[in-house]
Amino acid sequence: MLEINLSTLLLQIANFLILAYILTRFLFQPLKKMLDKRASQVTKAMDEAAKATREAEDLRLEYEEKRENIDAEIVALKNEARIVIDETRQQMLQEAYQEIDAMRARAREEIEQQRADALRLHRSEIGGLVATLTRRVMEDALNPQLHQAYLDAFLYQLRSVQLDGRISTDGEEAVSAELITATPLAQENKVRIVTTLETVVSQPIDLACRVDAGLIAGAMVRLGDMLIDGSLQGQLQQLRNRYEAEIG
């Protein structure tokens, strides 16, 4: 039969209790505290990691949103820039077309002006040439009878003159007049001209006479501020003026 020594058992129990107390006091409690602290640190680290993860996710979402907004703004800016470029190009093209049209119009005006100037010059040259040739022909063909015929025509012209108050007629003083003829004037013709002028102005005439061969034939008279031209040269000049005026 197994014999149990009570004193030994009690001693072993006491040793166990002492060992358990020592282990609990100096091993288990520090270890528990260390494990609790470690667990707390791990939990805190995990919380911080989770927080950092959430913040990172928030930042990522914010970045994605901003990137989408930026992309939308870039697209909008590109579209706006494209619209501005198209409008600017259209405006530049329109201005260029307007300038081209204006240049064409100016060119047409200059061409028409040059054409008109050339035509006037051409007509002036032809008119001068015709007048010169006519003068030479008439100078060669003139004779006393033709000179007299032109003088008679001049007298007829004088009779139809309308003074319209341009000559002061008080019935007392003589009116000064200058007679210019292509050839020396016979006394008979001078008397006829003076008589005709006195009839026209109803007043005595103080007539001064001189000869200008440039008149070719006929005569002209200065009466106050009037010049009555009945010369062949005057008729040729009138024909030339009418010819040059027939442009366009």
C-alpha atoms as a PDB file:
ATOM      1  CA  MET A   1       0.000   0.000   0.000  1.00  0.00           C
ATOM      2  CA  LEU A   2       1.296   3.422  -0.971  1.00  0.00           C
ATOM      3  CA  GLU A   3       2.320   5.457   1.950  1.00  0.00           C
ATOM      4  CA  ILE A   4       1.882   9.238   1.775  1.00  0.00           C
ATOM      5  CA  ASN A   5       4.162  11.363   3.858  1.00  0.00           C
ATOM      6  CA  LEU A   6       2.058  14.255   5.040  1.00  0.00           C
ATOM      7  CA  SER A   7       4.886  16.533   5.868  1.00  0.00           C
ATOM      8  CA  THR A   8       6.446  15.973   2.488  1.00  0.00           C
ATOM      9  CA  LEU A   9       3.136  16.640   0.795  1.00  0.00           C
ATOM     10  CA  LEU A  10       2.586  19.803   2.703  1.00  0.00           C
ATOM     11  CA  LEU A  11       6.082  20.909   1.885  1.00  0.00           C
ATOM     12  CA  GLN A  12       5.539  20.235  -1.793  1.00  0.00           C
ATOM     13  CA  ILE A  13       2.244  22.107  -1.715  1.00  0.00           C
ATOM     14  CA  ALA A  14       3.916  25.020  -0.028  1.00  0.00           C
ATOM     15  CA  ASN A  15       6.708  24.978  -2.585  1.00  0.00           C
ATOM     16  CA  PHE A  16       4.145  24.893  -5.381  1.00  0.00           C
ATOM     17  CA  LEU A  17       2.219  27.768  -3.943  1.00  0.00           C
ATOM     18  CA  ILE A  18       5.409  29.757  -3.444  1.00  0.00           C
ATOM     19  CA  LEU A  19       6.482  28.962  -7.035  1.00  0.00           C
ATOM     20  CA  ALA A  20       3.038  29.873  -8.328  1.00  0.00           C
ATOM     21  CA  TYR A  21       3.110  33.141  -6.413  1.00  0.00           C
ATOM     22  CA  ILE A  22       6.592  33.924  -7.696  1.00  0.00           C
ATOM     23  CA  LEU A  23       5.637  33.053 -11.271  1.00  0.00           C
ATOM     24  CA  THR A  24       2.396  35.035 -11.024  1.00  0.00           C
ATOM     25  CA  ARG A  25       4.069  38.037  -9.424  1.00  0.00           C
ATOM     26  CA  PHE A  26       7.252  38.247 -11.393  1.00  0.00           C
ATOM     27  CA  LEU A  27       6.473  36.414 -14.644  1.00  0.00           C
ATOM     28  CA  PHE A  28       2.819  36.167 -15.523  1.00  0.00           C
ATOM     29  CA  GLN A  29       1.778  39.711 -14.528  1.00  0.00           C
ATOM     30  CA  PRO A  30       4.705  41.487 -16.355  1.00  0.00           C
ATOM     31  CA  LEU A  31       4.158  39.174 -19.291  1.00  0.00           C
ATOM     32  CA  LYS A  32       0.408  39.940 -19.249  1.00  0.00           C
ATOM     33  CA  LYS A  33       1.147  43.667 -19.027  1.00  0.00           C
ATOM     34  CA  MET A  34       3.673  43.377 -21.850  1.00  0.00           C
ATOM     35  CA  LEU A  35       1.210  41.395 -23.954  1.00  0.00           C
ATOM     36  CA  ASP A  36      -1.597  43.865 -23.175  1.00  0.00           C
ATOM     37  CA  LYS A  37       0.690  46.732 -24.061  1.00  0.00           C
ATOM     38  CA  ARG A  38       1.795  44.966 -27.193  1.00  0.00           C
ATOM     39  CA  ALA A  39      -1.815  44.246 -28.089  1.00  0.00           C
ATOM     40  CA  SER A  40      -2.686  47.888 -27.464  1.00  0.00           C
ATOM     41  CA  GLN A  41       0.191  48.992 -29.680  1.00  0.00           C
ATOM     42  CA  VAL A  42      -0.846  46.553 -32.380  1.00  0.00           C
ATOM     43  CA  THR A  43      -4.461  47.713 -32.104  1.00  0.00           C
ATOM     44  CA  LYS A  44      -3.364  51.329 -32.243  1.00  0.00           C
ATOM     45  CA  ALA A  45      -1.103  50.609 -35.194  1.00  0.00           C
ATOM     46  CA  MET A  46      -3.936  48.792 -36.923  1.00  0.00           C
ATOM     47  CA  ASP A  47      -6.291  51.707 -36.193  1.00  0.00           C
ATOM     48  CA  GLU A  48      -3.711  54.141 -37.514  1.00  0.00           C
ATOM     49  CA  ALA A  49      -3.154  51.945 -40.547  1.00  0.00           C
ATOM     50  CA  ALA A  50      -6.900  51.754 -41.123  1.00  0.00           C
ATOM     51  CA  LYS A  51      -7.148  55.517 -40.678  1.00  0.00           C
ATOM     52  CA  ALA A  52      -4.228  56.036 -43.041  1.00  0.00           C
ATOM     53  CA  THR A  53      -5.892  53.665 -45.488  1.00  0.00           C
ATOM     54  CA  ARG A  54      -9.163  55.583 -45.255  1.00  0.00           C
ATOM     55  CA  GLU A  55      -7.329  58.886 -45.684  1.00  0.00           C
ATOM     56  CA  ALA A  56      -5.392  57.457 -48.600  1.00  0.00           C
ATOM     57  CA  GLU A  57      -8.645  56.243 -50.132  1.00  0.00           C
ATOM     58  CA  ASP A  58     -10.219  59.648 -49.556  1.00  0.00           C
ATOM     59  CA  LEU A  59      -7.191  61.300 -51.134  1.00  0.00           C
ATOM     60  CA  ARG A  60      -7.378  58.860 -54.021  1.00  0.00           C
ATOM     61  CA  LEU A  61     -11.075  59.578 -54.518  1.00  0.00           C
ATOM     62  CA  GLU A  62     -10.438  63.320 -54.235  1.00  0.00           C
ATOM     63  CA  TYR A  63      -7.556  63.028 -56.706  1.00  0.00           C
ATOM     64  CA  GLU A  64      -9.739  61.033 -59.071  1.00  0.00           C
ATOM     65  CA  GLU A  65     -12.495  63.643 -58.781  1.00  0.00           C
ATOM     66  CA  LYS A  66     -10.047  66.494 -59.313  1.00  0.00           C
ATOM     67  CA  ARG A  67      -8.472  64.656 -62.223  1.00  0.00           C
ATOM     68  CA  GLU A  68     -11.894  64.170 -63.771  1.00  0.00           C
ATOM     69  CA  ASN A  69     -12.656  67.850 -63.202  1.00  0.00           C
ATOM     70  CA  ILE A  70      -9.295  68.818 -64.648  1.00  0.00           C
ATOM     71  CA  ASP A  71      -9.873  66.571 -67.637  1.00  0.00           C
ATOM     72  CA  ALA A  72     -13.312  68.142 -68.102  1.00  0.00           C
ATOM     73  CA  GLU A  73     -11.797  71.641 -67.792  1.00  0.00           C
ATOM     74  CA  ILE A  74      -9.077  70.698 -70.288  1.00  0.00           C
ATOM     75  CA  VAL A  75     -11.715  69.429 -72.714  1.00  0.00           C
ATOM     76  CA  ALA A  76     -13.775  72.590 -72.174  1.00  0.00           C
ATOM     77  CA  LEU A  77     -10.700  74.785 -72.680  1.00  0.00           C
ATOM     78  CA  LYS A  78      -9.800  72.868 -75.819  1.00  0.00           C
ATOM     79  CA  ASN A  79     -13.332  73.288 -77.156  1.00  0.00           C
ATOM     80  CA  GLU A  80     -13.323  76.976 -76.248  1.00  0.00           C
ATOM     81  CA  ALA A  81      -9.908  77.432 -77.835  1.00  0.00           C
ATOM     82  CA  ARG A  82     -11.128  75.601 -80.943  1.00  0.00           C
ATOM     83  CA  ILE A  83     -14.201  77.849 -81.091  1.00  0.00           C
ATOM     84  CA  VAL A  84     -12.065  80.973 -80.632  1.00  0.00           C
ATOM     85  CA  ILE A  85      -9.629  79.759 -83.290  1.00  0.00           C
ATOM     86  CA  ASP A  86     -12.490  79.006 -85.705  1.00  0.00           C
ATOM     87  CA  GLU A  87     -14.102  82.389 -85.049  1.00  0.00           C
ATOM     88  CA  THR A  88     -10.760  84.163 -85.425  1.00  0.00           C
ATOM     89  CA  ARG A  89     -10.049  82.280 -88.635  1.00  0.00           C
ATOM     90  CA  GLN A  90     -13.505  83.089 -89.997  1.00  0.00           C
ATOM     91  CA  GLN A  91     -13.062  86.739 -89.051  1.00  0.00           C
ATOM     92  CA  MET A  92      -9.603  86.835 -90.644  1.00  0.00           C
ATOM     93  CA  LEU A  93     -10.966  85.175 -93.787  1.00  0.00           C
ATOM     94  CA  GLN A  94     -13.881  87.603 -93.895  1.00  0.00           C
ATOM     95  CA  GLU A  95     -11.547  90.572 -93.449  1.00  0.00           C
ATOM     96  CA  ALA A  96      -9.247  89.151 -96.127  1.00  0.00           C
ATOM     97  CA  TYR A  97     -12.176  88.713 -98.536  1.00  0.00           C
ATOM     98  CA  GLN A  98     -13.356  92.250 -97.784  1.00  0.00           C
ATOM     99  CA  GLU A  99      -9.862  93.606 -98.390  1.00  0.00           C
ATOM    100  CA  ILE A 100      -9.640  91.649-101.645  1.00  0.00           C
ATOM    101  CA  ASP A 101     -13.024  93.011-102.741  1.00  0.00           C
ATOM    102  CA  ALA A 102     -11.924  96.536-101.804  1.00  0.00           C
ATOM    103  CA  MET A 103      -8.665  96.068-103.734  1.00  0.00           C
ATOM    104  CA  ARG A 104     -10.614  94.803-106.731  1.00  0.00           C
ATOM    105  CA  ALA A 105     -12.985  97.754-106.519  1.00  0.00           C
ATOM    106  CA  ARG A 106     -10.059 100.178-106.256  1.00  0.00           C
ATOM    107  CA  ALA A 107      -8.340  98.448-109.152  1.00  0.00           C
ATOM    108  CA  ARG A 108     -11.509  98.691-111.260  1.00  0.00           C
ATOM    109  CA  GLU A 109     -11.871 102.359-110.349  1.00  0.00           C
ATOM    110  CA  GLU A 110      -8.230 103.034-111.215  1.00  0.00           C
ATOM    111  CA  ILE A 111      -8.579 101.148-114.503  1.00  0.00           C
ATOM    112  CA  GLU A 112     -11.768 103.053-115.356  1.00  0.00           C
ATOM    113  CA  GLN A 113     -10.104 106.314-114.377  1.00  0.00           C
ATOM    114  CA  GLN A 114      -7.034 105.522-116.479  1.00  0.00           C
ATOM    115  CA  ARG A 115      -9.315 104.507-119.337  1.00  0.00           C
ATOM    116  CA  ALA A 116     -11.270 107.767-119.032  1.00  0.00           C
ATOM    117  CA  ASP A 117      -8.038 109.780-118.775  1.00  0.00           C
ATOM    118  CA  ALA A 118      -6.596 108.001-121.800  1.00  0.00           C
ATOM    119  CA  LEU A 119      -9.833 108.520-123.722  1.00  0.00           C
ATOM    120  CA  ARG A 120      -9.908 112.207-122.787  1.00  0.00           C
ATOM    121  CA  LEU A 121      -6.284 112.566-123.803  1.00  0.00           C
ATOM    122  CA  HIS A 122      -6.975 110.683-127.013  1.00  0.00           C
ATOM    123  CA  ARG A 123     -10.002 112.841-127.807  1.00  0.00           C
ATOM    124  CA  SER A 124      -8.109 115.980-126.831  1.00  0.00           C
ATOM    125  CA  GLU A 125      -5.252 115.069-129.131  1.00  0.00           C
ATOM    126  CA  ILE A 126      -7.639 114.165-131.958  1.00  0.00           C
ATOM    127  CA  GLY A 127      -9.678 117.314-131.325  1.00  0.00           C
ATOM    128  CA  GLY A 128      -6.534 119.431-131.441  1.00  0.00           C
ATOM    129  CA  LEU A 129      -5.370 117.672-134.576  1.00  0.00           C
ATOM    130  CA  VAL A 130      -8.768 118.129-136.267  1.00  0.00           C
ATOM    131  CA  ALA A 131      -8.860 121.791-135.246  1.00  0.00           C
ATOM    132  CA  THR A 132      -5.335 122.328-136.552  1.00  0.00           C
ATOM    133  CA  LEU A 133      -6.071 120.603-139.854  1.00  0.00           C
ATOM    134  CA  THR A 134      -9.359 122.476-140.228  1.00  0.00           C
ATOM    135  CA  ARG A 135      -7.615 125.745-139.505  1.00  0.00           C
ATOM    136  CA  ARG A 136      -4.971 125.078-142.129  1.00  0.00           C
ATOM    137  CA  VAL A 137      -7.593 124.064-144.676  1.00  0.00           C
ATOM    138  CA  MET A 138      -9.677 127.147-143.940  1.00  0.00           C
ATOM    139  CA  GLU A 139      -6.655 129.426-144.025  1.00  0.00           C
ATOM    140  CA  ASP A 140      -5.821 128.080-147.477  1.00  0.00           C
ATOM    141  CA  ALA A 141      -9.441 128.362-148.645  1.00  0.00           C
ATOM    142  CA  LEU A 142     -10.232 131.819-147.241  1.00  0.00           C
ATOM    143  CA  ASN A 143     -10.785 134.694-149.624  1.00  0.00           C
ATOM    144  CA  PRO A 144     -12.339 138.172-149.272  1.00  0.00           C
ATOM    145  CA  GLN A 145     -15.792 136.794-149.981  1.00  0.00           C
ATOM    146  CA  LEU A 146     -15.518 134.225-147.169  1.00  0.00           C
ATOM    147  CA  HIS A 147     -14.153 136.873-144.781  1.00  0.00           C
ATOM    148  CA  GLN A 148     -17.140 139.057-145.616  1.00  0.00           C
ATOM    149  CA  ALA A 149     -19.498 136.121-145.148  1.00  0.00           C
ATOM    150  CA  TYR A 150     -18.100 135.455-141.672  1.00  0.00           C
ATOM    151  CA  LEU A 151     -18.364 139.164-140.842  1.00  0.00           C
ATOM    152  CA  ASP A 152     -22.018 139.217-141.985  1.00  0.00           C
ATOM    153  CA  ALA A 153     -22.677 136.200-139.808  1.00  0.00           C
ATOM    154  CA  PHE A 154     -21.071 138.012-136.871  1.00  0.00           C
ATOM    155  CA  LEU A 155     -23.358 141.026-137.443  1.00  0.00           C
ATOM    156  CA  TYR A 156     -26.381 138.708-137.407  1.00  0.00           C
ATOM    157  CA  GLN A 157     -25.102 137.240-134.153  1.00  0.00           C
ATOM    158  CA  LEU A 158     -24.786 140.733-132.617  1.00  0.00           C
ATOM    159  CA  ARG A 159     -28.423 141.541-133.409  1.00  0.00           C
ATOM    160  CA  SER A 160     -29.599 138.560-131.324  1.00  0.00           C
ATOM    161  CA  VAL A 161     -27.504 139.364-128.233  1.00  0.00           C
ATOM    162  CA  GLN A 162     -29.446 139.559-124.959  1.00  0.00           C
ATOM    163  CA  LEU A 163     -27.772 141.950-122.504  1.00  0.00           C
ATOM    164  CA  ASP A 164     -29.970 141.092-119.494  1.00  0.00           C
ATOM    165  CA  GLY A 165     -28.838 144.185-117.581  1.00  0.00           C
ATOM    166  CA  ARG A 166     -25.147 143.411-117.986  1.00  0.00           C
ATOM    167  CA  ILE A 167     -24.462 146.753-119.674  1.00  0.00           C
ATOM    168  CA  SER A 168     -25.132 150.042-117.855  1.00  0.00           C
ATOM    169  CA  THR A 169     -27.294 152.115-120.223  1.00  0.00           C
ATOM    170  CA  ASP A 170     -28.082 155.625-118.964  1.00  0.00           C
ATOM    171  CA  GLY A 171     -28.467 157.092-122.464  1.00  0.00           C
ATOM    172  CA  GLU A 172     -25.803 159.777-122.018  1.00  0.00           C
ATOM    173  CA  GLU A 173     -22.268 158.404-121.906  1.00  0.00           C
ATOM    174  CA  ALA A 174     -20.846 156.242-124.682  1.00  0.00           C
ATOM    175  CA  VAL A 175     -20.276 152.556-123.918  1.00  0.00           C
ATOM    176  CA  SER A 176     -16.732 151.343-124.496  1.00  0.00           C
ATOM    177  CA  ALA A 177     -16.362 148.314-126.729  1.00  0.00           C
ATOM    178  CA  GLU A 178     -13.387 146.501-128.246  1.00  0.00           C
ATOM    179  CA  LEU A 179     -13.676 144.927-131.688  1.00  0.00           C
ATOM    180  CA  ILE A 180     -11.172 142.252-132.693  1.00  0.00           C
ATOM    181  CA  THR A 181     -11.119 141.067-136.302  1.00  0.00           C
ATOM    182  CA  ALA A 182      -9.094 138.487-138.209  1.00  0.00           C
ATOM    183  CA  THR A 183      -8.287 141.019-140.968  1.00  0.00           C
ATOM    184  CA  PRO A 184      -8.217 144.806-141.125  1.00  0.00           C
ATOM    185  CA  LEU A 185     -11.762 146.143-141.088  1.00  0.00           C
ATOM    186  CA  ALA A 186     -13.148 148.302-143.900  1.00  0.00           C
ATOM    187  CA  GLN A 187     -14.826 151.541-142.832  1.00  0.00           C
ATOM    188  CA  GLU A 188     -18.160 150.383-144.172  1.00  0.00           C
ATOM    189  CA  ASN A 189     -18.093 147.236-142.029  1.00  0.00           C
ATOM    190  CA  LYS A 190     -16.944 149.236-139.019  1.00  0.00           C
ATOM    191  CA  VAL A 191     -19.932 151.524-139.392  1.00  0.00           C
ATOM    192  CA  ARG A 192     -22.269 148.544-139.713  1.00  0.00           C
ATOM    193  CA  ILE A 193     -20.867 146.991-136.506  1.00  0.00           C
ATOM    194  CA  VAL A 194     -21.068 150.277-134.557  1.00  0.00           C
ATOM    195  CA  THR A 195     -24.630 150.833-135.748  1.00  0.00           C
ATOM    196  CA  THR A 196     -25.608 147.302-134.729  1.00  0.00           C
ATOM    197  CA  LEU A 197     -24.009 147.646-131.264  1.00  0.00           C
ATOM    198  CA  GLU A 198     -25.725 151.014-130.662  1.00  0.00           C
ATOM    199  CA  THR A 199     -29.018 149.405-131.579  1.00  0.00           C
ATOM    200  CA  VAL A 200     -28.393 146.574-129.127  1.00  0.00           C
ATOM    201  CA  VAL A 201     -27.388 148.776-126.172  1.00  0.00           C
ATOM    202  CA  SER A 202     -29.517 151.808-127.138  1.00  0.00           C
ATOM    203  CA  GLN A 203     -26.542 154.021-126.349  1.00  0.00           C
ATOM    204  CA  PRO A 204     -23.573 155.525-128.224  1.00  0.00           C
ATOM    205  CA  ILE A 205     -20.603 153.180-128.687  1.00  0.00           C
ATOM    206  CA  ASP A 206     -16.947 154.115-128.245  1.00  0.00           C
ATOM    207  CA  LEU A 207     -15.364 151.388-130.381  1.00  0.00           C
ATOM    208  CA  ALA A 208     -11.679 150.414-130.307  1.00  0.00           C
ATOM    209  CA  CYS A 209     -10.481 148.110-133.088  1.00  0.00           C
ATOM    210  CA  ARG A 210      -7.534 145.753-133.408  1.00  0.00           C
ATOM    211  CA  VAL A 211      -6.530 142.850-135.636  1.00  0.00           C
ATOM    212  CA  ASP A 212      -5.751 139.290-134.449  1.00  0.00           C
ATOM    213  CA  ALA A 213      -4.931 136.878-137.271  1.00  0.00           C
ATOM    214  CA  GLY A 214      -5.379 133.990-134.852  1.00  0.00           C
ATOM    215  CA  LEU A 215      -9.144 134.389-135.245  1.00  0.00           C
ATOM    216  CA  ILE A 216      -8.750 133.058-138.823  1.00  0.00           C
ATOM    217  CA  ALA A 217     -12.018 134.722-139.951  1.00  0.00           C
ATOM    218  CA  GLY A 218     -14.914 136.632-138.449  1.00  0.00           C
ATOM    219  CA  ALA A 219     -14.633 138.835-135.354  1.00  0.00           C
ATOM    220  CA  MET A 220     -15.319 139.139-131.626  1.00  0.00           C
ATOM    221  CA  VAL A 221     -16.311 142.091-129.488  1.00  0.00           C
ATOM    222  CA  ARG A 222     -15.897 142.851-125.782  1.00  0.00           C
ATOM    223  CA  LEU A 223     -18.858 144.769-124.473  1.00  0.00           C
ATOM    224  CA  GLY A 224     -18.755 145.370-120.720  1.00  0.00           C
ATOM    225  CA  ASP A 225     -18.184 141.955-119.126  1.00  0.00           C
ATOM    226  CA  MET A 226     -19.475 140.149-122.217  1.00  0.00           C
ATOM    227  CA  LEU A 227     -17.389 138.546-124.947  1.00  0.00           C
ATOM    228  CA  ILE A 228     -19.328 137.945-128.141  1.00  0.00           C
ATOM    229  CA  ASP A 229     -17.281 135.516-130.217  1.00  0.00           C
ATOM    230  CA  GLY A 230     -18.155 135.210-133.926  1.00  0.00           C
ATOM    231  CA  SER A 231     -14.714 134.092-135.114  1.00  0.00           C
ATOM    232  CA  LEU A 232     -13.847 130.923-136.953  1.00  0.00           C
ATOM    233  CA  GLN A 233     -11.296 130.114-134.256  1.00  0.00           C
ATOM    234  CA  GLY A 234     -14.045 130.306-131.631  1.00  0.00           C
ATOM    235  CA  GLN A 235     -16.274 128.004-133.661  1.00  0.00           C
ATOM    236  CA  LEU A 236     -13.447 125.470-134.041  1.00  0.00           C
ATOM    237  CA  GLN A 237     -12.817 125.597-130.274  1.00  0.00           C
ATOM    238  CA  GLN A 238     -16.512 124.980-129.599  1.00  0.00           C
ATOM    239  CA  LEU A 239     -16.486 121.989-131.925  1.00  0.00           C
ATOM    240  CA  ARG A 240     -13.373 120.659-130.178  1.00  0.00           C
ATOM    241  CA  ASN A 241     -14.950 121.103-126.737  1.00  0.00           C
ATOM    242  CA  ARG A 242     -18.100 119.278-127.784  1.00  0.00           C
ATOM    243  CA  TYR A 243     -16.046 116.454-129.250  1.00  0.00           C
ATOM    244  CA  GLU A 244     -13.947 116.080-126.085  1.00  0.00           C
ATOM    245  CA  ALA A 245     -17.097 116.141-123.906  1.00  0.00           C
ATOM    246  CA  GLU A 246     -18.506 113.052-125.655  1.00  0.00           C
ATOM    247  CA  ILE A 247     -16.688 110.574-123.386  1.00  0.00           C
ATOM    248  CA  GLY A 248     -18.663 107.736-121.997  1.00  0.00           C
END
